[in-house]
């Protein structure tokens, strides 16, 4: 497969083995048939076309048509719902979603435990916690993680900044991550008094990037109880607030002129960045900037974890061609083909090291190998993000709450306590609606 833009795809499809017809297995039909793929993400149309052309060499009798399910979580689910209501027999669904959202919203996917057993698919290939959080529902497995996205796919630091200020370089060893105290001290020392340079470019996704490091949760794992006022949450948000408002070491702190996000880091105005989603694409963006970067661990609170979440794929409940849809799923999973199309971090852990070697060969001093272990030990995402009413909670409660905090109209602690009954009402209303 040809490369997707500068630097190539996450894993070259050409490296997935020479194309050629394979013997149908597991009841896969050899008669001409068409599969309908509901696509949320899936890379560029050109990359998907090349993926499907390769699949055609493996299953020449199968034509895969695509149904646009792009957009945010709620719009994507609405598109799939509309397609199903119109009578579309969708066979395969992918995207940055979770089984719970697809099942409780539109009952769109079916369990695949029997297919996993039949074909002896090794589930140890995936981060176990991530597989459970997004793929399993009510004790059954519905979806498989083929890639990782999320809000902090890596933690990068500017080596020159650390050398110039005499701050010790952070740890790249997940078994010995830098501590919260070391991190906070470094951010202070790396921030200039006039705000033209800050220690931390951004705070990831404020909802869960930092709370994750303190094992704090908005919602209990059974999806029933809001815990935004728990001691762990209050502690986590107090520490985050201190970074932003007391220490003023972040790109969103009052008085900062450096800007925020990856651009501030690439312009040499921030010393640590928390790049989202595409670690390889971020690395390529440093070319020509003069920024000498490396990857390190997230500073440890109770734990140290990247803030990543699986991008999943599953067999649609509406499919009348279950074995064929499953065969297409396995094809995309093998050698992390669909992850390659999207330039994402592979969801298959054994594919991580080849991905690093290919994508970071021109950055030999970046310590990118540490991302392999980082993905293995990454903690599951906050349950609130997988709740079917996440979009409603974010729009009506969480986003306005954050604006009040950043506008300094309400403290984080007060906001967390005020949010609890509002969020609990949404959770309870959803549970009641499910019982009807």
Protein backbone atom coordinates (compact mmCIF):
# COMPACT_ATOMS: atom_id res chain seq x y z
CA UNK A 1 0.00 0.00 0.00
CA UNK A 2 1.24 3.49 -0.77
CA UNK A 3 2.08 5.82 2.07
CA UNK A 4 -0.63 8.10 3.46
CA UNK A 5 0.88 11.56 3.39
CA UNK A 6 4.32 12.50 4.68
CA UNK A 7 6.05 9.78 6.64
CA UNK A 8 3.78 6.94 5.54
CA UNK A 9 0.98 5.12 7.30
CA UNK A 10 1.23 3.68 10.78
CA UNK A 11 1.89 0.26 9.33
CA UNK A 12 2.36 -0.23 5.62
CA UNK A 13 -0.29 -2.49 4.18
CA UNK A 14 2.30 -3.71 1.74
CA UNK A 15 4.13 -5.11 4.74
CA UNK A 16 1.11 -7.14 5.74
CA UNK A 17 2.08 -10.00 3.50
CA UNK A 18 1.69 -10.56 -0.20
CA UNK A 19 -1.94 -10.42 -1.25
CA UNK A 20 -3.46 -13.60 -2.51
CA UNK A 21 -6.59 -15.65 -2.28
CA UNK A 22 -7.13 -17.42 1.00
CA UNK A 23 -9.30 -20.43 1.60
CA UNK A 24 -12.66 -19.37 3.09
CA UNK A 25 -12.99 -20.35 6.71
CA UNK A 26 -15.63 -20.34 9.39
CA UNK A 27 -18.62 -20.64 7.09
CA UNK A 28 -17.63 -17.70 4.86
CA UNK A 29 -19.55 -17.80 1.59
CA UNK A 30 -17.79 -18.00 -1.76
CA UNK A 31 -20.82 -16.61 -3.60
CA UNK A 32 -20.88 -12.94 -4.70
CA UNK A 33 -22.08 -10.72 -1.86
CA UNK A 34 -21.95 -7.15 -0.61
CA UNK A 35 -21.04 -5.97 2.90
CA UNK A 36 -22.15 -2.56 4.18
CA UNK A 37 -19.59 -0.78 6.37
CA UNK A 38 -20.76 2.06 8.64
CA UNK A 39 -17.62 4.20 8.74
CA UNK A 40 -16.84 6.55 11.59
CA UNK A 41 -13.27 7.60 10.89
CA UNK A 42 -11.54 5.04 8.76
CA UNK A 43 -8.89 7.34 7.32
CA UNK A 44 -9.18 9.12 3.99
CA UNK A 45 -11.42 7.74 1.22
CA UNK A 46 -8.31 6.98 -0.83
CA UNK A 47 -6.74 4.97 1.99
CA UNK A 48 -9.96 3.02 2.54
CA UNK A 49 -10.19 2.29 -1.18
CA UNK A 50 -6.70 0.78 -1.10
CA UNK A 51 -7.61 -1.26 1.96
CA UNK A 52 -10.70 -2.60 0.21
CA UNK A 53 -8.74 -3.31 -2.95
CA UNK A 54 -6.41 -5.50 -0.89
CA UNK A 55 -9.39 -7.23 0.70
CA UNK A 56 -10.71 -7.92 -2.78
CA UNK A 57 -7.58 -9.94 -3.50
CA UNK A 58 -8.33 -12.06 -0.43
CA UNK A 59 -12.11 -12.31 -0.92
CA UNK A 60 -12.73 -11.64 -4.63
CA UNK A 61 -16.41 -12.49 -4.21
CA UNK A 62 -17.00 -9.73 -1.65
CA UNK A 63 -17.76 -6.09 -2.40
CA UNK A 64 -17.63 -3.69 0.55
CA UNK A 65 -19.77 -0.58 0.31
CA UNK A 66 -19.42 2.31 2.73
CA UNK A 67 -22.04 4.19 4.75
CA UNK A 68 -20.99 7.57 6.18
CA UNK A 69 -21.26 7.56 9.97
CA UNK A 70 -18.73 10.33 10.56
CA UNK A 71 -19.01 13.15 13.08
CA UNK A 72 -19.14 13.40 16.85
CA UNK A 73 -20.36 10.54 19.01
CA UNK A 74 -24.00 11.60 19.07
CA UNK A 75 -24.23 12.55 15.36
CA UNK A 76 -22.49 9.31 14.42
CA UNK A 77 -24.97 7.21 16.38
CA UNK A 78 -27.84 9.22 14.90
CA UNK A 79 -26.60 8.49 11.37
CA UNK A 80 -26.38 4.77 12.08
CA UNK A 81 -29.85 4.85 13.66
CA UNK A 82 -31.27 6.63 10.62
CA UNK A 83 -29.67 4.10 8.29
CA UNK A 84 -31.08 1.18 10.25
CA UNK A 85 -34.51 2.80 10.39
CA UNK A 86 -34.38 3.18 6.62
CA UNK A 87 -33.84 -0.55 6.31
CA UNK A 88 -30.11 -0.62 5.62
CA UNK A 89 -28.63 -3.99 6.52
CA UNK A 90 -25.39 -2.65 8.00
CA UNK A 91 -22.83 -5.43 8.47
CA UNK A 92 -19.79 -3.79 10.03
CA UNK A 93 -19.31 -0.75 12.28
CA UNK A 94 -16.13 1.00 13.32
CA UNK A 95 -15.21 4.17 15.16
CA UNK A 96 -14.24 5.89 18.36
CA UNK A 97 -17.24 4.48 20.21
CA UNK A 98 -17.98 1.84 22.83
CA UNK A 99 -20.19 -1.21 22.86
CA UNK A 100 -22.32 0.28 25.65
CA UNK A 101 -23.08 3.38 23.61
CA UNK A 102 -23.99 1.38 20.53
CA UNK A 103 -26.15 -1.10 22.44
CA UNK A 104 -28.04 1.17 24.83
CA UNK A 105 -28.58 3.88 22.22
CA UNK A 106 -29.53 1.90 19.11
CA UNK A 107 -28.87 -1.81 19.82
CA UNK A 108 -26.50 -1.81 16.85
CA UNK A 109 -23.92 -4.57 17.49
CA UNK A 110 -24.04 -8.26 18.31
CA UNK A 111 -21.93 -10.43 20.63
CA UNK A 112 -19.00 -12.28 19.08
CA UNK A 113 -17.82 -14.56 21.90
CA UNK A 114 -18.63 -17.69 19.91
CA UNK A 115 -16.68 -16.40 16.90
CA UNK A 116 -13.70 -15.56 19.10
CA UNK A 117 -13.74 -19.09 20.50
CA UNK A 118 -14.28 -20.72 17.14
CA UNK A 119 -11.38 -18.92 15.48
CA UNK A 120 -9.20 -18.91 18.61
CA UNK A 121 -8.69 -15.15 18.49
CA UNK A 122 -6.15 -14.35 21.20
CA UNK A 123 -7.66 -11.56 23.32
CA UNK A 124 -4.33 -11.14 25.10
CA UNK A 125 -3.27 -9.25 21.97
CA UNK A 126 -5.07 -6.20 23.36
CA UNK A 127 -4.85 -4.04 26.45
CA UNK A 128 -7.13 -6.07 28.74
CA UNK A 129 -8.67 -3.11 30.58
CA UNK A 130 -9.38 -1.26 27.35
CA UNK A 131 -10.95 -4.35 25.79
CA UNK A 132 -13.22 -4.78 28.80
CA UNK A 133 -14.17 -1.10 29.02
CA UNK A 134 -15.19 -0.62 25.40
CA UNK A 135 -15.85 -4.12 24.06
CA UNK A 136 -17.69 -6.00 26.75
CA UNK A 137 -21.25 -5.34 27.85
CA UNK A 138 -23.29 -7.34 30.35
CA UNK A 139 -20.66 -10.07 30.36
CA UNK A 140 -20.53 -10.49 26.57
CA UNK A 141 -17.93 -9.31 24.07
CA UNK A 142 -19.31 -7.14 21.29
CA UNK A 143 -16.40 -5.18 19.81
CA UNK A 144 -12.66 -5.45 19.23
CA UNK A 145 -10.15 -2.59 19.64
CA UNK A 146 -8.23 -2.16 16.39
CA UNK A 147 -6.46 1.12 17.22
CA UNK A 148 -6.05 3.79 19.87
CA UNK A 149 -7.02 7.43 19.84
CA UNK A 150 -7.80 9.58 22.82
CA UNK A 151 -6.57 12.78 24.35
CA UNK A 152 -2.96 12.09 25.32
CA UNK A 153 -1.30 9.54 23.04
CA UNK A 154 2.15 10.55 24.31
CA UNK A 155 3.95 12.99 26.60
CA UNK A 156 6.69 14.96 24.82
CA UNK A 157 9.34 17.25 26.26
CA UNK A 158 11.70 19.82 24.79
CA UNK A 159 15.19 18.55 25.57
CA UNK A 160 16.83 21.95 25.04
CA UNK A 161 14.53 23.65 27.55
CA UNK A 162 15.34 21.10 30.21
CA UNK A 163 19.10 21.37 29.60
CA UNK A 164 19.09 25.18 29.57
CA UNK A 165 17.23 25.46 32.88
CA UNK A 166 19.08 22.62 34.57
CA UNK A 167 15.89 20.64 35.15
CA UNK A 168 16.55 16.87 35.24
CA UNK A 169 15.18 15.03 32.23
CA UNK A 170 11.92 13.19 33.02
CA UNK A 171 11.73 9.43 33.19
CA UNK A 172 10.84 7.35 30.14
CA UNK A 173 10.49 4.23 32.30
CA UNK A 174 6.87 3.39 33.13
CA UNK A 175 8.05 1.39 36.13
CA UNK A 176 9.70 4.55 37.54
CA UNK A 177 7.73 7.56 36.27
CA UNK A 178 8.55 11.07 37.42
CA UNK A 179 6.54 12.04 40.48
CA UNK A 180 3.91 14.73 40.74
CA UNK A 181 6.25 16.81 42.91
CA UNK A 182 9.07 16.52 40.35
CA UNK A 183 6.68 17.45 37.56
CA UNK A 184 5.22 20.46 39.34
CA UNK A 185 8.66 21.77 40.28
CA UNK A 186 9.85 21.34 36.69
CA UNK A 187 6.84 23.20 35.30
CA UNK A 188 7.53 26.16 37.60
CA UNK A 189 11.20 26.32 36.66
CA UNK A 190 10.46 26.03 32.94
CA UNK A 191 7.85 28.81 32.94
CA UNK A 192 9.08 32.36 32.32
CA UNK A 193 7.67 35.10 34.58
CA UNK A 194 6.26 37.06 31.65
CA UNK A 195 4.28 34.05 30.39
CA UNK A 196 6.13 33.92 27.06
CA UNK A 197 7.18 30.34 27.81
CA UNK A 198 5.28 27.82 29.91
CA UNK A 199 6.11 24.44 31.29
CA UNK A 200 2.97 22.66 30.08
CA UNK A 201 1.40 23.46 26.71
CA UNK A 202 -2.03 22.05 27.56
CA UNK A 203 -3.77 19.87 30.14
CA UNK A 204 -5.03 17.16 27.78
CA UNK A 205 -8.75 16.70 28.22
CA UNK A 206 -9.52 18.31 31.54
CA UNK A 207 -12.41 15.90 32.19
CA UNK A 208 -10.21 12.88 32.75
CA UNK A 209 -6.53 13.28 31.74
CA UNK A 210 -5.36 14.40 35.18
CA UNK A 211 -8.08 12.67 37.27
CA UNK A 212 -6.98 9.41 35.61
CA UNK A 213 -3.57 9.74 37.28
CA UNK A 214 -5.26 9.86 40.69
CA UNK A 215 -7.71 6.98 40.05
CA UNK A 216 -10.53 9.51 40.24
CA UNK A 217 -13.87 8.91 38.52
CA UNK A 218 -16.93 10.95 37.61
CA UNK A 219 -19.02 7.79 37.37
CA UNK A 220 -18.84 4.41 39.07
CA UNK A 221 -17.88 1.41 36.97
CA UNK A 222 -21.46 0.09 37.09
CA UNK A 223 -22.60 3.31 35.36
CA UNK A 224 -25.10 4.08 38.13
CA UNK A 225 -23.63 6.69 40.48
CA UNK A 226 -22.00 10.07 39.86
CA UNK A 227 -18.96 10.57 42.11
CA UNK A 228 -17.79 14.02 41.05
CA UNK A 229 -17.57 15.11 44.70
CA UNK A 230 -15.42 12.16 45.84
CA UNK A 231 -12.20 12.92 47.76
CA UNK A 232 -10.14 11.56 44.85
CA UNK A 233 -11.87 13.86 42.34
CA UNK A 234 -11.56 16.90 44.56
CA UNK A 235 -7.88 16.13 45.13
CA UNK A 236 -7.23 15.67 41.40
CA UNK A 237 -8.99 18.89 40.40
CA UNK A 238 -7.36 20.84 43.20
CA UNK A 239 -3.97 19.82 41.84
CA UNK A 240 -5.00 20.68 38.29
CA UNK A 241 -6.36 24.04 39.42
CA UNK A 242 -3.12 24.77 41.24
CA UNK A 243 -1.16 24.21 38.02
CA UNK A 244 -3.42 26.52 36.06
CA UNK A 245 -4.23 29.32 38.49
CA UNK A 246 -1.72 29.22 41.34
CA UNK A 247 1.47 28.20 39.55
CA UNK A 248 0.32 29.60 36.17
CA UNK A 249 2.47 27.14 34.25
CA UNK A 250 0.03 26.02 31.55
CA UNK A 251 -0.95 27.37 28.17
CA UNK A 252 -4.41 28.27 29.50
CA UNK A 253 -3.20 29.99 32.69
CA UNK A 254 -4.09 33.65 33.24
CA UNK A 255 -1.49 36.05 31.87
CA UNK A 256 0.14 33.52 29.54
CA UNK A 257 1.15 34.87 26.12
CA UNK A 258 2.86 31.76 24.76
CA UNK A 259 -0.31 30.23 23.37
CA UNK A 260 -1.39 26.69 24.13
CA UNK A 261 -1.47 23.22 22.64
CA UNK A 262 0.94 21.55 20.26
CA UNK A 263 1.65 24.77 18.38
CA UNK A 264 3.11 26.39 21.48
CA UNK A 265 5.39 23.39 21.89
CA UNK A 266 6.43 23.36 18.24
CA UNK A 267 7.18 27.08 18.41
CA UNK A 268 9.48 26.52 21.38
CA UNK A 269 7.13 28.36 23.75
CA UNK A 270 6.21 25.35 25.87
CA UNK A 271 8.44 22.69 27.39
CA UNK A 272 6.04 19.75 27.69
CA UNK A 273 3.24 18.77 25.32
CA UNK A 274 0.45 16.23 25.61
CA UNK A 275 -0.23 15.44 21.93
CA UNK A 276 -3.60 13.97 21.14
CA UNK A 277 -4.47 10.92 19.09
CA UNK A 278 -1.62 10.56 16.59
CA UNK A 279 1.84 10.22 18.15
CA UNK A 280 3.52 9.56 14.79
CA UNK A 281 1.85 12.54 13.14
CA UNK A 282 2.97 14.72 16.06
CA UNK A 283 6.55 13.53 15.64
CA UNK A 284 6.50 14.44 11.96
CA UNK A 285 5.17 17.90 12.82
CA UNK A 286 8.42 18.65 14.70
CA UNK A 287 10.47 18.45 11.48
CA UNK A 288 11.86 21.84 10.54
CA UNK A 289 10.92 23.45 13.85
CA UNK A 290 14.29 23.02 15.53
CA UNK A 291 12.59 21.41 18.53
CA UNK A 292 14.59 18.50 19.93
CA UNK A 293 11.97 16.30 21.55
CA UNK A 294 11.65 13.03 23.40
CA UNK A 295 8.82 11.01 24.90
CA UNK A 296 8.47 10.48 28.65
CA UNK A 297 5.96 9.09 31.13
CA UNK A 298 3.00 10.98 32.49
CA UNK A 299 3.76 12.38 35.95
CA UNK A 300 2.54 9.95 38.57
CA UNK A 301 -0.18 10.65 41.08
CA UNK A 302 -1.52 7.30 42.25
CA UNK A 303 -0.64 5.90 38.80
CA UNK A 304 1.03 7.03 35.59
CA UNK A 305 -0.95 6.47 32.41
CA UNK A 306 -1.44 7.75 28.91
CA UNK A 307 -4.96 9.04 28.30
CA UNK A 308 -5.91 6.84 25.34
CA UNK A 309 -9.04 5.00 24.35
CA UNK A 310 -9.71 2.19 21.89
CA UNK A 311 -11.17 2.72 18.47
CA UNK A 312 -13.43 -0.27 18.02
CA UNK A 313 -15.01 -2.42 15.32
CA UNK A 314 -17.86 -4.86 15.52
CA UNK A 315 -20.37 -6.94 13.63
CA UNK A 316 -23.65 -5.09 13.27
CA UNK A 317 -26.74 -6.68 14.76
CA UNK A 318 -28.56 -6.00 11.49
CA UNK A 319 -26.09 -8.06 9.50
CA UNK A 320 -27.49 -11.04 7.65
CA UNK A 321 -23.94 -12.05 6.71
CA UNK A 322 -22.42 -12.57 10.12
CA UNK A 323 -19.52 -14.83 9.15
CA UNK A 324 -18.54 -12.58 6.26
CA UNK A 325 -18.67 -9.44 8.43
CA UNK A 326 -16.51 -11.19 11.03
CA UNK A 327 -14.06 -12.22 8.33
CA UNK A 328 -13.76 -8.56 7.28
CA UNK A 329 -13.20 -7.62 10.94
CA UNK A 330 -10.37 -10.13 11.26
CA UNK A 331 -8.80 -8.85 8.06
CA UNK A 332 -8.75 -5.31 9.46
CA UNK A 333 -7.36 -6.54 12.76
CA UNK A 334 -4.60 -8.63 11.18
CA UNK A 335 -1.32 -6.67 11.07
CA UNK A 336 -3.36 -3.68 12.32
CA UNK A 337 -4.49 -2.86 8.79
CA UNK A 338 -7.31 -0.49 9.70
CA UNK A 339 -5.11 1.24 12.29
CA UNK A 340 -2.59 1.80 9.49
CA UNK A 341 -5.21 3.36 7.27
CA UNK A 342 -6.06 5.83 10.03
CA UNK A 343 -2.42 6.44 11.02
CA UNK A 344 -3.37 5.51 14.57
CA UNK A 345 -1.50 3.62 17.26
CA UNK A 346 -2.18 -0.10 16.72
CA UNK A 347 -4.68 -1.72 19.05
CA UNK A 348 -2.83 -5.02 18.73
CA UNK A 349 -0.01 -4.88 21.26
CA UNK A 350 2.43 -7.14 19.32
CA UNK A 351 2.13 -4.72 16.39
CA UNK A 352 3.30 -1.80 18.51
CA UNK A 353 7.07 -2.33 18.19
CA UNK A 354 7.04 -2.67 14.38
CA UNK A 355 4.89 0.48 14.31
CA UNK A 356 7.45 2.35 16.42
CA UNK A 357 10.37 1.13 14.33
CA UNK A 358 8.69 2.24 11.12
CA UNK A 359 7.28 5.57 12.23
CA UNK A 360 10.11 6.81 14.43
CA UNK A 361 13.15 5.60 12.51
CA UNK A 362 14.04 9.21 11.67
CA UNK A 363 13.70 10.18 15.34
CA UNK A 364 16.18 7.77 16.97
CA UNK A 365 16.59 9.90 20.10
CA UNK A 366 12.87 10.31 20.77
CA UNK A 367 12.67 7.29 23.11
CA UNK A 368 9.57 6.22 21.16
CA UNK A 369 10.07 2.60 22.24
CA UNK A 370 8.65 3.58 25.61
CA UNK A 371 5.24 4.02 23.95
CA UNK A 372 5.03 0.23 23.56
CA UNK A 373 5.00 -0.34 27.31
CA UNK A 374 2.88 2.78 27.74
CA UNK A 375 0.09 1.26 25.71
CA UNK A 376 0.33 -2.00 27.61
CA UNK A 377 -0.05 -0.34 31.02
CA UNK A 378 -2.50 2.42 29.99
CA UNK A 379 -5.54 2.64 32.25
CA UNK A 380 -9.11 2.49 30.92
CA UNK A 381 -10.92 5.72 30.18
CA UNK A 382 -13.32 7.42 32.55
CA UNK A 383 -16.68 5.54 32.45
CA UNK A 384 -18.57 8.80 31.91
CA UNK A 385 -17.09 9.03 28.40
CA UNK A 386 -18.66 5.68 27.49
CA UNK A 387 -22.10 6.47 28.86
CA UNK A 388 -24.76 6.69 26.12
CA UNK A 389 -25.73 10.15 27.44
CA UNK A 390 -22.17 11.46 27.43
CA UNK A 391 -22.92 14.12 24.80
CA UNK A 392 -25.90 15.45 26.76
CA UNK A 393 -23.88 15.53 29.99
CA UNK A 394 -21.01 17.34 28.29
CA UNK A 395 -23.21 19.91 26.57
CA UNK A 396 -25.57 20.67 29.45
CA UNK A 397 -23.34 20.27 32.50
CA UNK A 398 -19.65 19.62 32.00
CA UNK A 399 -18.69 22.17 29.35
CA UNK A 400 -20.48 25.06 31.12
CA UNK A 401 -18.87 23.95 34.37
CA UNK A 402 -15.40 24.09 32.85
CA UNK A 403 -16.03 27.56 31.43
CA UNK A 404 -16.99 28.78 34.88
CA UNK A 405 -13.77 27.32 36.27
CA UNK A 406 -11.50 28.77 33.57
CA UNK A 407 -13.28 32.15 33.82
CA UNK A 408 -12.56 31.92 37.57
CA UNK A 409 -16.22 32.41 38.42
CA UNK A 410 -16.34 29.21 40.46
CA UNK A 411 -13.71 27.03 42.09
CA UNK A 412 -13.19 23.53 40.76
CA UNK A 413 -14.36 22.02 44.06
CA UNK A 414 -17.60 24.02 44.07
CA UNK A 415 -18.19 23.17 40.42
CA UNK A 416 -17.69 19.44 41.00
CA UNK A 417 -20.18 19.45 43.86
CA UNK A 418 -22.73 21.46 41.89
CA UNK A 419 -22.41 19.15 38.90
CA UNK A 420 -23.21 15.98 40.84
CA UNK A 421 -27.03 16.25 41.09
CA UNK A 422 -27.31 17.49 37.50
CA UNK A 423 -25.31 14.59 36.13
CA UNK A 424 -27.04 12.08 38.39
CA UNK A 425 -30.41 13.18 37.03
CA UNK A 426 -29.26 12.44 33.47
CA UNK A 427 -27.90 9.04 34.51
CA UNK A 428 -31.12 8.16 36.36
CA UNK A 429 -33.36 9.35 33.51
CA UNK A 430 -31.44 7.17 31.08
CA UNK A 431 -31.76 4.14 33.36
CA UNK A 432 -35.53 4.67 33.71
CA UNK A 433 -35.92 5.04 29.96
CA UNK A 434 -34.05 1.76 29.43
CA UNK A 435 -36.52 -0.06 31.67
CA UNK A 436 -39.56 1.04 29.68
